[in-house]
Amino acid sequence: MNAARFTKRARLLTAAQFDLAFKQGRRINAGAFTAVISPNGLDFPRVGFALSKKHAPHSVQRNRVRRILRERFRQQQQTLSAVDLVLMLRGKLPAESAELTAAVNSFWIQLAKRCAAS
């Protein structure tokens, strides 16, 4: 898979794929985010997003978070093992864009460490 692309095969697309990740995966909590990590049996990682209105009530906020997380995944997908990631919000988002980017970077560092450990 090309490291500079976020292709369709790198996404969780169907409800069945999400359900399988939730059933087989384990949760990692870090700051305002939660990740469900599940082995996928493929040669590459995949990612899906489950961002609720409870923690980000406006679609602009959810789309911005999704965009930042997607970009971070795109940059780091070569370093991840073959897992399915479902990324979720579990707390209030920072109001400032720089704080949000810092929170995502911190979350991603913790996520990469935990993925490498398993």
C-alpha atoms as a PDB file:
ATOM      1  CA  MET A   1       0.000   0.000   0.000  1.00  0.00           C
ATOM      2  CA  ASN A   2       1.349   3.413  -0.914  1.00  0.00           C
ATOM      3  CA  ALA A   3       2.272   5.325   2.256  1.00  0.00           C
ATOM      4  CA  ALA A   4       1.108   8.642   0.823  1.00  0.00           C
ATOM      5  CA  ARG A   5      -2.457   7.521   0.129  1.00  0.00           C
ATOM      6  CA  PHE A   6      -5.566   6.791   2.117  1.00  0.00           C
ATOM      7  CA  THR A   7      -7.248   4.290  -0.158  1.00  0.00           C
ATOM      8  CA  LYS A   8     -10.642   2.667   0.139  1.00  0.00           C
ATOM      9  CA  ARG A   9      -9.131  -0.630   1.287  1.00  0.00           C
ATOM     10  CA  ALA A  10      -7.610   1.150   4.314  1.00  0.00           C
ATOM     11  CA  ARG A  11     -11.092   2.002   5.656  1.00  0.00           C
ATOM     12  CA  LEU A  12     -13.653   0.086   7.633  1.00  0.00           C
ATOM     13  CA  LEU A  13     -16.722   0.453   5.445  1.00  0.00           C
ATOM     14  CA  THR A  14     -19.526  -1.826   6.573  1.00  0.00           C
ATOM     15  CA  ALA A  15     -21.403  -2.290   9.813  1.00  0.00           C
ATOM     16  CA  ALA A  16     -20.223  -5.907   9.878  1.00  0.00           C
ATOM     17  CA  GLN A  17     -16.580  -4.784   9.851  1.00  0.00           C
ATOM     18  CA  PHE A  18     -17.230  -2.391  12.742  1.00  0.00           C
ATOM     19  CA  ASP A  19     -19.169  -5.050  14.687  1.00  0.00           C
ATOM     20  CA  LEU A  20     -16.345  -7.564  14.294  1.00  0.00           C
ATOM     21  CA  ALA A  21     -13.798  -5.002  15.506  1.00  0.00           C
ATOM     22  CA  PHE A  22     -15.951  -4.178  18.545  1.00  0.00           C
ATOM     23  CA  LYS A  23     -16.491  -7.861  19.397  1.00  0.00           C
ATOM     24  CA  GLN A  24     -12.897  -9.039  18.971  1.00  0.00           C
ATOM     25  CA  GLY A  25     -10.992  -5.884  19.842  1.00  0.00           C
ATOM     26  CA  ARG A  26      -9.629  -4.385  23.006  1.00  0.00           C
ATOM     27  CA  ARG A  27     -10.090  -0.779  24.081  1.00  0.00           C
ATOM     28  CA  ILE A  28      -7.377   1.764  24.701  1.00  0.00           C
ATOM     29  CA  ASN A  29      -8.311   5.028  26.417  1.00  0.00           C
ATOM     30  CA  ALA A  30      -6.095   8.072  26.083  1.00  0.00           C
ATOM     31  CA  GLY A  31      -7.253  11.569  26.874  1.00  0.00           C
ATOM     32  CA  ALA A  32     -10.362  12.527  24.940  1.00  0.00           C
ATOM     33  CA  PHE A  33     -10.085   9.508  22.630  1.00  0.00           C
ATOM     34  CA  THR A  34     -10.716   5.773  22.712  1.00  0.00           C
ATOM     35  CA  ALA A  35      -9.464   3.222  20.213  1.00  0.00           C
ATOM     36  CA  VAL A  36     -10.683  -0.303  19.636  1.00  0.00           C
ATOM     37  CA  ILE A  37      -7.876  -2.451  18.243  1.00  0.00           C
ATOM     38  CA  SER A  38      -8.605  -5.782  16.608  1.00  0.00           C
ATOM     39  CA  PRO A  39      -6.353  -8.014  14.468  1.00  0.00           C
ATOM     40  CA  ASN A  40      -7.727  -8.189  10.935  1.00  0.00           C
ATOM     41  CA  GLY A  41      -5.830 -11.029   9.211  1.00  0.00           C
ATOM     42  CA  LEU A  42      -4.852  -8.805   6.286  1.00  0.00           C
ATOM     43  CA  ASP A  43      -1.480  -7.384   5.269  1.00  0.00           C
ATOM     44  CA  PHE A  44      -2.377  -3.807   6.169  1.00  0.00           C
ATOM     45  CA  PRO A  45      -4.138  -1.754   8.856  1.00  0.00           C
ATOM     46  CA  ARG A  46      -7.618  -0.309   8.434  1.00  0.00           C
ATOM     47  CA  VAL A  47      -9.330   2.524  10.269  1.00  0.00           C
ATOM     48  CA  GLY A  48     -12.892   3.543  11.006  1.00  0.00           C
ATOM     49  CA  PHE A  49     -14.380   6.424  12.973  1.00  0.00           C
ATOM     50  CA  ALA A  50     -17.283   6.473  15.423  1.00  0.00           C
ATOM     51  CA  LEU A  51     -17.639  10.079  16.536  1.00  0.00           C
ATOM     52  CA  SER A  52     -20.797  10.793  18.467  1.00  0.00           C
ATOM     53  CA  LYS A  53     -22.828  13.963  18.735  1.00  0.00           C
ATOM     54  CA  LYS A  54     -22.616  13.691  22.496  1.00  0.00           C
ATOM     55  CA  HIS A  55     -18.971  14.779  22.592  1.00  0.00           C
ATOM     56  CA  ALA A  56     -18.836  16.825  19.375  1.00  0.00           C
ATOM     57  CA  PRO A  57     -22.326  18.214  18.813  1.00  0.00           C
ATOM     58  CA  HIS A  58     -21.582  20.037  15.561  1.00  0.00           C
ATOM     59  CA  SER A  59     -20.763  18.249  12.336  1.00  0.00           C
ATOM     60  CA  VAL A  60     -17.958  20.737  11.698  1.00  0.00           C
ATOM     61  CA  GLN A  61     -16.222  19.548  14.866  1.00  0.00           C
ATOM     62  CA  ARG A  62     -16.676  15.863  14.051  1.00  0.00           C
ATOM     63  CA  ASN A  63     -15.427  16.355  10.502  1.00  0.00           C
ATOM     64  CA  ARG A  64     -12.367  18.291  11.691  1.00  0.00           C
ATOM     65  CA  VAL A  65     -11.464  15.558  14.182  1.00  0.00           C
ATOM     66  CA  ARG A  66     -12.025  12.890  11.540  1.00  0.00           C
ATOM     67  CA  ARG A  67      -9.859  14.797   9.065  1.00  0.00           C
ATOM     68  CA  ILE A  68      -6.981  15.178  11.548  1.00  0.00           C
ATOM     69  CA  LEU A  69      -7.151  11.524  12.653  1.00  0.00           C
ATOM     70  CA  ARG A  70      -7.331  10.333   9.049  1.00  0.00           C
ATOM     71  CA  GLU A  71      -4.261  12.366   8.105  1.00  0.00           C
ATOM     72  CA  ARG A  72      -2.320  11.021  11.070  1.00  0.00           C
ATOM     73  CA  PHE A  73      -3.317   7.464  10.129  1.00  0.00           C
ATOM     74  CA  ARG A  74      -2.262   8.096   6.529  1.00  0.00           C
ATOM     75  CA  GLN A  75       1.177   9.230   7.670  1.00  0.00           C
ATOM     76  CA  GLN A  76       1.687   6.356  10.118  1.00  0.00           C
ATOM     77  CA  GLN A  77      -0.024   3.398   8.449  1.00  0.00           C
ATOM     78  CA  GLN A  78       3.272   1.840   7.326  1.00  0.00           C
ATOM     79  CA  THR A  79       4.404   1.542  10.962  1.00  0.00           C
ATOM     80  CA  LEU A  80       1.211  -0.193  12.150  1.00  0.00           C
ATOM     81  CA  SER A  81       0.666  -3.923  12.157  1.00  0.00           C
ATOM     82  CA  ALA A  82      -2.335  -5.566  10.466  1.00  0.00           C
ATOM     83  CA  VAL A  83      -5.097  -4.301  12.753  1.00  0.00           C
ATOM     84  CA  ASP A  84      -8.519  -2.731  12.488  1.00  0.00           C
ATOM     85  CA  LEU A  85      -8.763   0.529  14.416  1.00  0.00           C
ATOM     86  CA  VAL A  86     -12.039   2.124  15.417  1.00  0.00           C
ATOM     87  CA  LEU A  87     -11.343   5.598  16.761  1.00  0.00           C
ATOM     88  CA  MET A  88     -13.905   7.272  19.015  1.00  0.00           C
ATOM     89  CA  LEU A  89     -14.343  10.338  21.182  1.00  0.00           C
ATOM     90  CA  ARG A  90     -14.900   9.853  24.879  1.00  0.00           C
ATOM     91  CA  GLY A  91     -14.575  13.381  26.203  1.00  0.00           C
ATOM     92  CA  LYS A  92     -14.987  17.025  25.347  1.00  0.00           C
ATOM     93  CA  LEU A  93     -12.794  18.318  22.544  1.00  0.00           C
ATOM     94  CA  PRO A  94     -10.387  21.223  22.996  1.00  0.00           C
ATOM     95  CA  ALA A  95     -11.760  24.422  21.517  1.00  0.00           C
ATOM     96  CA  GLU A  96      -8.554  25.589  19.846  1.00  0.00           C
ATOM     97  CA  SER A  97      -7.261  23.929  16.701  1.00  0.00           C
ATOM     98  CA  ALA A  98      -3.671  23.783  18.000  1.00  0.00           C
ATOM     99  CA  GLU A  99      -4.848  22.083  21.212  1.00  0.00           C
ATOM    100  CA  LEU A 100      -6.859  19.585  19.176  1.00  0.00           C
ATOM    101  CA  THR A 101      -3.842  18.769  17.006  1.00  0.00           C
ATOM    102  CA  ALA A 102      -1.675  18.336  20.109  1.00  0.00           C
ATOM    103  CA  ALA A 103      -4.306  16.048  21.685  1.00  0.00           C
ATOM    104  CA  VAL A 104      -4.482  13.929  18.514  1.00  0.00           C
ATOM    105  CA  ASN A 105      -0.682  13.698  18.340  1.00  0.00           C
ATOM    106  CA  SER A 106      -0.479  12.644  21.986  1.00  0.00           C
ATOM    107  CA  PHE A 107      -3.217  10.055  21.438  1.00  0.00           C
ATOM    108  CA  TRP A 108      -1.493   8.705  18.360  1.00  0.00           C
ATOM    109  CA  ILE A 109       1.847   8.307  20.180  1.00  0.00           C
ATOM    110  CA  GLN A 110       0.133   6.289  22.926  1.00  0.00           C
ATOM    111  CA  LEU A 111      -1.768   4.255  20.339  1.00  0.00           C
ATOM    112  CA  ALA A 112       1.404   3.441  18.381  1.00  0.00           C
ATOM    113  CA  LYS A 113       3.154   2.304  21.581  1.00  0.00           C
ATOM    114  CA  ARG A 114       0.269   0.024  22.527  1.00  0.00           C
ATOM    115  CA  CYS A 115      -0.003  -1.410  18.997  1.00  0.00           C
ATOM    116  CA  ALA A 116       3.734  -2.136  18.963  1.00  0.00           C
ATOM    117  CA  ALA A 117       3.515  -3.840  22.355  1.00  0.00           C
ATOM    118  CA  SER A 118       0.859  -6.307  21.177  1.00  0.00           C
END
